C-alpha atoms as a PDB file:
ATOM      1  CA  MET A   1     -50.094 -14.400   8.336  1.00  0.00           C
ATOM      2  CA  ARG A   2     -49.011  -9.785   7.192  1.00  0.00           C
ATOM      3  CA  LYS A   3     -47.833  -9.412  10.785  1.00  0.00           C
ATOM      4  CA  GLU A   4     -45.592 -12.046  10.576  1.00  0.00           C
ATOM      5  CA  LEU A   5     -43.944 -11.655   7.128  1.00  0.00           C
ATOM      6  CA  LEU A   6     -43.295  -7.949   9.129  1.00  0.00           C
ATOM      7  CA  GLY A   7     -42.102  -8.925  11.477  1.00  0.00           C
ATOM      8  CA  PHE A   8     -39.632 -11.640  10.066  1.00  0.00           C
ATOM      9  CA  PHE A   9     -38.460  -8.866   6.980  1.00  0.00           C
ATOM     10  CA  VAL A  10     -37.620  -6.361  10.052  1.00  0.00           C
ATOM     11  CA  VAL A  11     -35.454  -8.830  11.835  1.00  0.00           C
ATOM     12  CA  LEU A  12     -34.022  -9.652   8.637  1.00  0.00           C
ATOM     13  CA  SER A  13     -32.972  -6.281   8.116  1.00  0.00           C
ATOM     14  CA  CYS A  14     -31.981  -5.617  11.561  1.00  0.00           C
ATOM     15  CA  VAL A  15     -29.683  -8.788  11.404  1.00  0.00           C
ATOM     16  CA  THR A  16     -28.580  -7.625   7.969  1.00  0.00           C
ATOM     17  CA  LEU A  17     -27.167  -3.754   9.018  1.00  0.00           C
ATOM     18  CA  LEU A  18     -25.777  -5.548  11.851  1.00  0.00           C
ATOM     19  CA  ALA A  19     -23.285  -8.069  10.351  1.00  0.00           C
ATOM     20  CA  ALA A  20     -22.793  -5.131   7.503  1.00  0.00           C
ATOM     21  CA  GLY A  21     -21.496  -3.391  10.218  1.00  0.00           C
ATOM     22  CA  CYS A  22     -19.274  -5.763  12.012  1.00  0.00           C
ATOM     23  CA  ALA A  23     -18.204  -6.811   8.726  1.00  0.00           C
ATOM     24  CA  LYS A  24     -14.114  -6.645   7.816  1.00  0.00           C
ATOM     25  CA  LYS A  25     -13.661  -4.256   5.263  1.00  0.00           C
ATOM     26  CA  GLU A  26     -13.241  -5.714   1.851  1.00  0.00           C
ATOM     27  CA  LEU A  27     -10.504  -4.590  -0.346  1.00  0.00           C
ATOM     28  CA  VAL A  28     -11.567  -4.814  -3.736  1.00  0.00           C
ATOM     29  CA  LYS A  29     -10.555  -1.963  -6.477  1.00  0.00           C
ATOM     30  CA  GLY A  30     -13.166  -0.021  -7.034  1.00  0.00           C
ATOM     31  CA  GLU A  31     -13.235   3.717  -8.147  1.00  0.00           C
ATOM     32  CA  GLY A  32     -10.304   4.782  -8.461  1.00  0.00           C
ATOM     33  CA  GLU A  33      -7.239   7.175  -8.834  1.00  0.00           C
ATOM     34  CA  THR A  34      -8.263   8.875 -12.940  1.00  0.00           C
ATOM     35  CA  PRO A  35      -6.315  10.485 -14.285  1.00  0.00           C
ATOM     36  CA  SER A  36      -5.980  14.302 -15.392  1.00  0.00           C
ATOM     37  CA  ALA A  37      -5.441  15.891 -18.565  1.00  0.00           C
ATOM     38  CA  THR A  38      -2.749  17.609 -16.446  1.00  0.00           C
ATOM     39  CA  SER A  39      -0.585  15.602 -14.129  1.00  0.00           C
ATOM     40  CA  THR A  40       2.262  14.921 -14.564  1.00  0.00           C
ATOM     41  CA  LYS A  41       4.106  10.844 -14.037  1.00  0.00           C
ATOM     42  CA  SER A  42       7.075  10.442 -11.736  1.00  0.00           C
ATOM     43  CA  SER A  43       9.273   7.824 -10.662  1.00  0.00           C
ATOM     44  CA  GLU A  44      10.289  10.012  -7.855  1.00  0.00           C
ATOM     45  CA  PRO A  45       9.357  13.214  -6.406  1.00  0.00           C
ATOM     46  CA  GLY A  46      11.012  16.122  -8.975  1.00  0.00           C
ATOM     47  CA  THR A  47      11.803  13.625 -12.033  1.00  0.00           C
ATOM     48  CA  SER A  48      10.461  13.964 -15.706  1.00  0.00           C
ATOM     49  CA  ALA A  49       7.548  12.414 -16.445  1.00  0.00           C
ATOM     50  CA  GLN A  50       7.461   9.202 -18.078  1.00  0.00           C
ATOM     51  CA  ALA A  51       5.309   7.180 -20.376  1.00  0.00           C
ATOM     52  CA  PRO A  52       1.383   6.117 -18.038  1.00  0.00           C
ATOM     53  CA  SER A  53       2.045   2.726 -16.719  1.00  0.00           C
ATOM     54  CA  LYS A  54      -1.061   0.276 -17.903  1.00  0.00           C
ATOM     55  CA  SER A  55      -4.079   1.102 -15.165  1.00  0.00           C
ATOM     56  CA  PRO A  56      -5.074  -2.035 -12.842  1.00  0.00           C
ATOM     57  CA  VAL A  57      -8.188  -4.024 -13.537  1.00  0.00           C
ATOM     58  CA  LYS A  58     -11.125  -2.575 -11.849  1.00  0.00           C
ATOM     59  CA  ASP A  59     -12.953  -4.771  -9.647  1.00  0.00           C
ATOM     60  CA  GLU A  60     -10.376  -7.547  -8.584  1.00  0.00           C
ATOM     61  CA  LYS A  61      -9.811  -8.662  -5.456  1.00  0.00           C
ATOM     62  CA  VAL A  62      -6.059  -8.702  -4.004  1.00  0.00           C
ATOM     63  CA  GLN A  63      -5.447 -11.956  -2.822  1.00  0.00           C
ATOM     64  CA  GLU A  64      -4.415 -11.920   1.172  1.00  0.00           C
ATOM     65  CA  GLN A  65      -1.721 -14.818   0.719  1.00  0.00           C
ATOM     66  CA  ASN A  66       1.800 -14.518   1.714  1.00  0.00           C
ATOM     67  CA  ILE A  67       0.517 -11.708   3.977  1.00  0.00           C
ATOM     68  CA  LYS A  68       2.152 -11.002   6.818  1.00  0.00           C
ATOM     69  CA  GLU A  69       0.962  -8.291   9.546  1.00  0.00           C
ATOM     70  CA  ALA A  70       2.714  -7.960  13.105  1.00  0.00           C
ATOM     71  CA  PRO A  71       0.893  -6.760  15.936  1.00  0.00           C
ATOM     72  CA  ALA A  72       2.748  -2.799  16.495  1.00  0.00           C
ATOM     73  CA  ALA A  73       3.021  -3.886  20.275  1.00  0.00           C
ATOM     74  CA  ALA A  74       4.704  -6.905  19.374  1.00  0.00           C
ATOM     75  CA  THR A  75       7.347  -5.511  17.288  1.00  0.00           C
ATOM     76  CA  GLU A  76      10.315  -2.982  18.559  1.00  0.00           C
ATOM     77  CA  GLU A  77      11.745  -0.458  16.602  1.00  0.00           C
ATOM     78  CA  ALA A  78      14.873  -0.178  14.771  1.00  0.00           C
ATOM     79  CA  THR A  79      17.690   2.635  15.533  1.00  0.00           C
ATOM     80  CA  SER A  80      16.982   6.086  13.873  1.00  0.00           C
ATOM     81  CA  ALA A  81      20.701   5.118  12.314  1.00  0.00           C
ATOM     82  CA  GLN A  82      19.498   1.885  11.400  1.00  0.00           C
ATOM     83  CA  GLN A  83      16.460   3.412   9.736  1.00  0.00           C
ATOM     84  CA  ALA A  84      18.268   5.824   8.277  1.00  0.00           C
ATOM     85  CA  GLU A  85      20.083   3.400   5.383  1.00  0.00           C
ATOM     86  CA  MET A  86      16.051   2.716   4.456  1.00  0.00           C
ATOM     87  CA  GLU A  87      15.186   4.677   1.055  1.00  0.00           C
ATOM     88  CA  LYS A  88      12.505   5.090   0.342  1.00  0.00           C
ATOM     89  CA  ILE A  89      10.513   4.066  -3.099  1.00  0.00           C
ATOM     90  CA  TYR A  90       8.213   6.197  -4.881  1.00  0.00           C
ATOM     91  CA  PHE A  91       6.064   5.407  -7.626  1.00  0.00           C
ATOM     92  CA  ASP A  92       4.227   6.413 -10.809  1.00  0.00           C
ATOM     93  CA  TYR A  93       0.810   7.843 -10.814  1.00  0.00           C
ATOM     94  CA  ASP A  94      -1.952   5.211 -10.364  1.00  0.00           C
ATOM     95  CA  SER A  95       0.725   1.926 -10.820  1.00  0.00           C
ATOM     96  CA  PHE A  96       1.775  -0.264  -8.460  1.00  0.00           C
ATOM     97  CA  VAL A  97       5.094  -0.939 -10.926  1.00  0.00           C
ATOM     98  CA  LEU A  98       8.941  -0.586  -9.948  1.00  0.00           C
ATOM     99  CA  SER A  99      10.660   1.736 -11.308  1.00  0.00           C
ATOM    100  CA  ASN A 100      14.199   1.394 -12.345  1.00  0.00           C
ATOM    101  CA  PRO A 101      15.460   3.787  -9.686  1.00  0.00           C
ATOM    102  CA  SER A 102      12.633   2.255  -6.914  1.00  0.00           C
ATOM    103  CA  ARG A 103      15.125  -0.795  -7.831  1.00  0.00           C
ATOM    104  CA  ALA A 104      18.445   0.797  -7.769  1.00  0.00           C
ATOM    105  CA  THR A 105      17.048   1.990  -4.279  1.00  0.00           C
ATOM    106  CA  LEU A 106      15.630  -1.775  -3.298  1.00  0.00           C
ATOM    107  CA  SER A 107      18.899  -3.229  -4.393  1.00  0.00           C
ATOM    108  CA  LYS A 108      20.235  -0.463  -1.613  1.00  0.00           C
ATOM    109  CA  ASN A 109      18.041  -2.102   0.461  1.00  0.00           C
ATOM    110  CA  ALA A 110      18.735  -5.232   0.504  1.00  0.00           C
ATOM    111  CA  GLY A 111      22.443  -5.016   0.613  1.00  0.00           C
ATOM    112  CA  PHE A 112      21.910  -3.259   4.400  1.00  0.00           C
ATOM    113  CA  LEU A 113      19.733  -6.100   4.978  1.00  0.00           C
ATOM    114  CA  LYS A 114      22.070  -9.274   3.926  1.00  0.00           C
ATOM    115  CA  ASN A 115      24.818  -7.484   6.584  1.00  0.00           C
ATOM    116  CA  ASN A 116      21.706  -7.771   9.639  1.00  0.00           C
ATOM    117  CA  SER A 117      19.405  -9.508  10.572  1.00  0.00           C
ATOM    118  CA  LEU A 118      16.668  -6.898  10.853  1.00  0.00           C
ATOM    119  CA  LYS A 119      13.904  -7.486   9.715  1.00  0.00           C
ATOM    120  CA  VAL A 120      11.282  -5.028   8.168  1.00  0.00           C
ATOM    121  CA  ARG A 121       7.970  -3.867   7.631  1.00  0.00           C
ATOM    122  CA  ILE A 122       7.049  -2.099   4.329  1.00  0.00           C
ATOM    123  CA  GLU A 123       4.253   0.313   4.808  1.00  0.00           C
ATOM    124  CA  GLY A 124       2.083   1.243   0.755  1.00  0.00           C
ATOM    125  CA  ASN A 125       1.030   4.406   0.238  1.00  0.00           C
ATOM    126  CA  CYS A 126      -0.674   6.732  -1.855  1.00  0.00           C
ATOM    127  CA  ASP A 127      -1.770   9.502  -2.992  1.00  0.00           C
ATOM    128  CA  GLU A 128      -4.923  11.099  -1.595  1.00  0.00           C
ATOM    129  CA  ARG A 129      -6.958  10.607  -4.839  1.00  0.00           C
ATOM    130  CA  GLY A 130      -9.250   7.792  -5.276  1.00  0.00           C
ATOM    131  CA  SER A 131     -11.397   6.354  -3.025  1.00  0.00           C
ATOM    132  CA  ASP A 132     -10.325   4.617   0.216  1.00  0.00           C
ATOM    133  CA  GLU A 133     -10.550   0.900  -1.363  1.00  0.00           C
ATOM    134  CA  TYR A 134      -9.253   1.394  -4.105  1.00  0.00           C
ATOM    135  CA  ASN A 135      -5.932   3.295  -2.523  1.00  0.00           C
ATOM    136  CA  LEU A 136      -6.197   0.525   0.370  1.00  0.00           C
ATOM    137  CA  ALA A 137      -5.329  -1.852  -2.401  1.00  0.00           C
ATOM    138  CA  LEU A 138      -3.565  -0.103  -4.585  1.00  0.00           C
ATOM    139  CA  GLY A 139      -0.723   0.716  -1.333  1.00  0.00           C
ATOM    140  CA  GLU A 140      -0.575  -2.890  -1.063  1.00  0.00           C
ATOM    141  CA  LYS A 141      -0.502  -4.200  -4.105  1.00  0.00           C
ATOM    142  CA  ARG A 142       2.822  -1.685  -4.013  1.00  0.00           C
ATOM    143  CA  ALA A 143       4.198  -2.930  -0.780  1.00  0.00           C
ATOM    144  CA  LYS A 144       3.748  -6.872  -2.452  1.00  0.00           C
ATOM    145  CA  ALA A 145       6.007  -5.102  -5.463  1.00  0.00           C
ATOM    146  CA  ALA A 146       8.524  -4.509  -3.169  1.00  0.00           C
ATOM    147  CA  MET A 147       8.690  -7.036  -0.648  1.00  0.00           C
ATOM    148  CA  SER A 148       8.771  -9.560  -4.357  1.00  0.00           C
ATOM    149  CA  TYR A 149      11.790  -7.801  -5.475  1.00  0.00           C
ATOM    150  CA  LEU A 150      13.428  -7.732  -2.083  1.00  0.00           C
ATOM    151  CA  VAL A 151      13.249 -11.850  -2.148  1.00  0.00           C
ATOM    152  CA  THR A 152      13.734 -11.764  -5.864  1.00  0.00           C
ATOM    153  CA  LEU A 153      18.067 -10.006  -4.421  1.00  0.00           C
ATOM    154  CA  GLY A 154      17.668 -12.637  -1.401  1.00  0.00           C
ATOM    155  CA  ILE A 155      16.301 -11.249   1.443  1.00  0.00           C
ATOM    156  CA  SER A 156      14.176 -14.194   2.924  1.00  0.00           C
ATOM    157  CA  ALA A 157      10.180 -13.737   2.997  1.00  0.00           C
ATOM    158  CA  GLU A 158       9.990 -14.338   6.577  1.00  0.00           C
ATOM    159  CA  ARG A 159      12.122 -10.821   7.517  1.00  0.00           C
ATOM    160  CA  LEU A 160       9.404  -9.457   5.655  1.00  0.00           C
ATOM    161  CA  THR A 161       6.174  -7.742   5.682  1.00  0.00           C
ATOM    162  CA  ILE A 162       3.540  -6.160   4.807  1.00  0.00           C
ATOM    163  CA  ILE A 163       0.847  -3.072   5.176  1.00  0.00           C
ATOM    164  CA  SER A 164      -1.093  -0.572   3.231  1.00  0.00           C
ATOM    165  CA  TYR A 165      -2.328   2.773   4.748  1.00  0.00           C
ATOM    166  CA  GLY A 166      -3.649   4.146   1.321  1.00  0.00           C
ATOM    167  CA  LYS A 167      -4.174   7.632   1.386  1.00  0.00           C
ATOM    168  CA  GLU A 168      -3.725   8.220   4.857  1.00  0.00           C
ATOM    169  CA  LYS A 169      -0.290   8.804   6.377  1.00  0.00           C
ATOM    170  CA  PRO A 170       0.224  11.197   3.404  1.00  0.00           C
ATOM    171  CA  ALA A 171       4.524  12.590   3.701  1.00  0.00           C
ATOM    172  CA  ASP A 172       3.056  15.849   2.073  1.00  0.00           C
ATOM    173  CA  PRO A 173      -0.339  17.503   2.720  1.00  0.00           C
ATOM    174  CA  GLY A 174      -0.508  19.546  -0.244  1.00  0.00           C
ATOM    175  CA  HIS A 175      -2.443  19.085  -3.367  1.00  0.00           C
ATOM    176  CA  ASP A 176      -0.769  19.350  -5.997  1.00  0.00           C
ATOM    177  CA  GLU A 177       1.597  16.709  -7.983  1.00  0.00           C
ATOM    178  CA  ALA A 178       4.602  18.528  -6.307  1.00  0.00           C
ATOM    179  CA  ALA A 179       2.853  16.656  -2.779  1.00  0.00           C
ATOM    180  CA  TRP A 180       1.280  14.172  -4.585  1.00  0.00           C
ATOM    181  CA  ALA A 181       4.808  12.506  -6.281  1.00  0.00           C
ATOM    182  CA  LYS A 182       5.999  12.250  -2.366  1.00  0.00           C
ATOM    183  CA  ASN A 183       2.887  10.661  -1.067  1.00  0.00           C
ATOM    184  CA  ARG A 184       3.426   7.312  -3.898  1.00  0.00           C
ATOM    185  CA  ARG A 185       5.753   5.689  -2.291  1.00  0.00           C
ATOM    186  CA  ASP A 186       6.879   2.931  -0.414  1.00  0.00           C
ATOM    187  CA  GLU A 187       8.702   3.338   3.133  1.00  0.00           C
ATOM    188  CA  PHE A 188      10.774  -0.014   5.317  1.00  0.00           C
ATOM    189  CA  VAL A 189      10.847   0.665   8.673  1.00  0.00           C
ATOM    190  CA  LEU A 190      12.643  -1.783  10.756  1.00  0.00           C
ATOM    191  CA  THR A 191      12.089  -4.356  13.086  1.00  0.00           C
ATOM    192  CA  ARG A 192      13.926  -6.420  15.441  1.00  0.00           C
END
Protein backbone atom coordinates (compact mmCIF):
# COMPACT_ATOMS: atom_id res chain seq x y z
CA MET A 1 0.00 0.00 0.00
CA ARG A 2 2.79 2.39 0.90
CA LYS A 3 4.67 1.68 -2.36
CA GLU A 4 1.50 2.27 -4.38
CA LEU A 5 0.92 5.59 -2.62
CA LEU A 6 4.54 6.63 -3.16
CA GLY A 7 4.32 5.66 -6.84
CA PHE A 8 1.11 7.66 -7.22
CA PHE A 9 2.76 10.80 -5.80
CA VAL A 10 5.83 10.37 -8.01
CA VAL A 11 3.65 10.10 -11.12
CA LEU A 12 1.49 13.02 -9.97
CA SER A 13 4.61 15.15 -9.40
CA CYS A 14 5.97 14.33 -12.85
CA VAL A 15 2.67 15.18 -14.54
CA THR A 16 2.43 18.44 -12.59
CA LEU A 17 5.98 19.46 -13.53
CA LEU A 18 5.38 18.56 -17.15
CA ALA A 19 2.13 20.51 -17.30
CA ALA A 20 3.67 23.53 -15.56
CA GLY A 21 6.64 23.54 -17.92
CA CYS A 22 4.44 23.35 -21.02
CA ALA A 23 1.73 25.74 -19.89
CA LYS A 24 1.30 29.05 -21.67
CA LYS A 25 2.56 31.90 -19.56
CA GLU A 26 -0.44 33.79 -18.22
CA LEU A 27 -0.16 37.56 -18.06
CA VAL A 28 -0.77 38.50 -14.45
CA LYS A 29 0.05 41.76 -12.82
CA GLY A 30 2.47 40.88 -10.06
CA GLU A 31 5.34 42.62 -8.42
CA GLY A 32 6.00 45.49 -10.69
CA GLU A 33 7.67 48.77 -11.15
CA THR A 34 7.95 50.39 -7.77
CA PRO A 35 8.44 54.13 -7.76
CA SER A 36 11.73 55.34 -6.36
CA ALA A 37 12.06 58.57 -4.45
CA THR A 38 14.37 60.04 -7.08
CA SER A 39 12.50 59.08 -10.25
CA THR A 40 10.66 61.71 -12.22
CA LYS A 41 7.67 61.22 -14.44
CA SER A 42 7.58 62.48 -17.99
CA SER A 43 5.16 62.03 -20.82
CA GLU A 44 7.95 62.32 -23.35
CA PRO A 45 11.70 62.21 -23.01
CA GLY A 46 13.05 65.58 -21.99
CA THR A 47 9.77 67.03 -20.68
CA SER A 48 9.08 68.21 -17.17
CA ALA A 49 7.72 66.04 -14.37
CA GLN A 50 4.00 65.60 -13.90
CA ALA A 51 1.81 64.54 -11.01
CA PRO A 52 1.88 60.82 -10.22
CA SER A 53 -0.75 58.72 -11.94
CA LYS A 54 -2.74 55.95 -10.30
CA SER A 55 -0.96 52.66 -10.04
CA PRO A 56 -2.82 49.73 -11.60
CA VAL A 57 -4.33 47.25 -9.16
CA LYS A 58 -2.02 44.32 -8.41
CA ASP A 59 -2.96 40.76 -9.38
CA GLU A 60 -5.38 41.98 -12.04
CA LYS A 61 -5.51 39.45 -14.85
CA VAL A 62 -5.10 40.91 -18.29
CA GLN A 63 -8.07 40.10 -20.49
CA GLU A 64 -7.20 38.95 -23.95
CA GLN A 65 -10.45 39.95 -25.64
CA ASN A 66 -10.38 41.78 -28.96
CA ILE A 67 -6.64 41.25 -29.36
CA LYS A 68 -5.45 40.21 -32.77
CA GLU A 69 -1.86 39.21 -33.35
CA ALA A 70 -0.85 38.81 -36.95
CA PRO A 71 1.84 36.21 -37.55
CA ALA A 72 5.11 37.94 -38.35
CA ALA A 73 5.68 35.84 -41.47
CA ALA A 74 2.23 36.65 -42.85
CA THR A 75 2.59 40.42 -42.65
CA GLU A 76 4.68 42.56 -44.94
CA GLU A 77 6.35 45.65 -43.53
CA ALA A 78 5.45 48.98 -45.11
CA THR A 79 8.04 51.13 -46.80
CA SER A 80 10.33 53.19 -44.60
CA ALA A 81 8.88 56.45 -45.97
CA GLN A 82 5.40 55.41 -44.85
CA GLN A 83 6.73 54.10 -41.55
CA ALA A 84 8.27 57.51 -40.83
CA GLU A 85 4.75 58.99 -40.82
CA MET A 86 3.83 57.02 -37.70
CA GLU A 87 5.25 58.61 -34.54
CA LYS A 88 5.90 56.88 -31.21
CA ILE A 89 4.09 57.85 -28.05
CA TYR A 90 5.52 57.84 -24.55
CA PHE A 91 4.10 57.05 -21.12
CA ASP A 92 4.69 58.11 -17.54
CA TYR A 93 6.33 55.68 -15.13
CA ASP A 94 4.07 52.75 -14.16
CA SER A 95 1.19 54.16 -16.26
CA PHE A 96 -0.81 53.36 -19.35
CA VAL A 97 -2.74 56.65 -19.31
CA LEU A 98 -2.42 58.67 -22.52
CA SER A 99 -0.93 62.13 -21.91
CA ASN A 100 -2.00 65.19 -23.91
CA PRO A 101 1.14 65.05 -26.11
CA SER A 102 0.46 61.34 -26.75
CA ARG A 103 -3.14 62.09 -27.75
CA ALA A 104 -1.92 64.78 -30.16
CA THR A 105 0.56 62.32 -31.70
CA LEU A 106 -2.16 59.68 -32.03
CA SER A 107 -4.36 62.25 -33.80
CA LYS A 108 -1.57 62.84 -36.34
CA ASN A 109 -1.12 59.09 -36.76
CA ALA A 110 -4.89 58.67 -37.29
CA GLY A 111 -4.84 61.40 -39.95
CA PHE A 112 -2.15 59.49 -41.83
CA LEU A 113 -4.06 56.19 -41.49
CA LYS A 114 -7.27 57.72 -42.82
CA ASN A 115 -5.47 58.46 -46.10
CA ASN A 116 -4.47 54.85 -46.80
CA SER A 117 -5.53 51.26 -46.18
CA LEU A 118 -2.47 50.07 -44.27
CA LYS A 119 -2.77 48.05 -41.11
CA VAL A 120 -0.88 48.88 -37.92
CA ARG A 121 0.71 46.72 -35.26
CA ILE A 122 0.90 48.66 -31.99
CA GLU A 123 3.88 47.49 -29.93
CA GLY A 124 3.75 48.23 -26.20
CA ASN A 125 7.09 48.63 -24.42
CA CYS A 126 8.27 49.27 -20.85
CA ASP A 127 11.45 50.24 -19.07
CA GLU A 128 13.60 47.62 -17.36
CA ARG A 129 12.12 48.02 -13.89
CA GLY A 130 9.58 45.43 -12.74
CA SER A 131 9.12 41.72 -13.38
CA ASP A 132 8.77 40.23 -16.86
CA GLU A 133 5.11 39.38 -16.24
CA TYR A 134 4.26 42.83 -14.92
CA ASN A 135 5.95 44.58 -17.84
CA LEU A 136 4.25 42.34 -20.41
CA ALA A 137 0.88 43.21 -18.88
CA LEU A 138 1.73 46.93 -18.69
CA GLY A 139 2.98 46.96 -22.30
CA GLU A 140 -0.25 45.32 -23.40
CA LYS A 141 -2.32 47.92 -21.54
CA ARG A 142 -0.32 50.69 -23.19
CA ALA A 143 -0.93 49.20 -26.63
CA LYS A 144 -4.65 48.74 -25.86
CA ALA A 145 -4.92 52.37 -24.73
CA ALA A 146 -3.46 53.58 -28.04
CA MET A 147 -5.67 51.19 -30.00
CA SER A 148 -8.83 52.37 -28.21
CA TYR A 149 -7.96 56.00 -28.85
CA LEU A 150 -7.30 55.37 -32.54
CA VAL A 151 -10.67 53.62 -32.81
CA THR A 152 -12.39 56.66 -31.25
CA LEU A 153 -10.68 58.76 -33.94
CA GLY A 154 -12.31 56.68 -36.68
CA ILE A 155 -9.70 54.02 -37.44
CA SER A 156 -11.27 50.58 -37.89
CA ALA A 157 -10.33 48.09 -35.17
CA GLU A 158 -9.84 45.46 -37.90
CA ARG A 159 -6.80 47.43 -39.11
CA LEU A 160 -5.17 47.43 -35.68
CA THR A 161 -3.33 44.68 -33.81
CA ILE A 162 -1.40 44.87 -30.57
CA ILE A 163 1.53 43.11 -29.01
CA SER A 164 3.50 43.67 -25.83
CA TYR A 165 7.25 43.32 -25.69
CA GLY A 166 7.47 44.37 -22.05
CA LYS A 167 11.08 45.27 -21.36
CA GLU A 168 12.55 43.04 -24.10
CA LYS A 169 13.08 45.74 -26.76
CA PRO A 170 14.58 48.82 -25.12
CA ALA A 171 15.04 51.86 -27.35
CA ASP A 172 17.88 53.02 -25.09
CA PRO A 173 20.04 50.47 -23.23
CA GLY A 174 20.90 52.95 -20.46
CA HIS A 175 20.01 52.53 -16.80
CA ASP A 176 18.86 56.02 -15.86
CA GLU A 177 15.65 58.05 -16.04
CA ALA A 178 16.49 59.52 -19.46
CA ALA A 179 16.85 56.02 -20.95
CA TRP A 180 13.80 54.68 -19.13
CA ALA A 181 11.66 57.56 -20.42
CA LYS A 182 12.55 56.56 -24.01
CA ASN A 183 11.71 52.91 -23.31
CA ARG A 184 8.19 53.55 -21.92
CA ARG A 185 6.56 53.80 -25.34
CA ASP A 186 4.22 52.49 -28.01
CA GLU A 187 5.60 52.03 -31.49
CA PHE A 188 3.45 51.78 -34.59
CA VAL A 189 4.56 49.33 -37.29
CA LEU A 190 2.74 49.58 -40.61
CA THR A 191 1.79 46.33 -42.32
CA ARG A 192 -0.13 45.57 -45.50
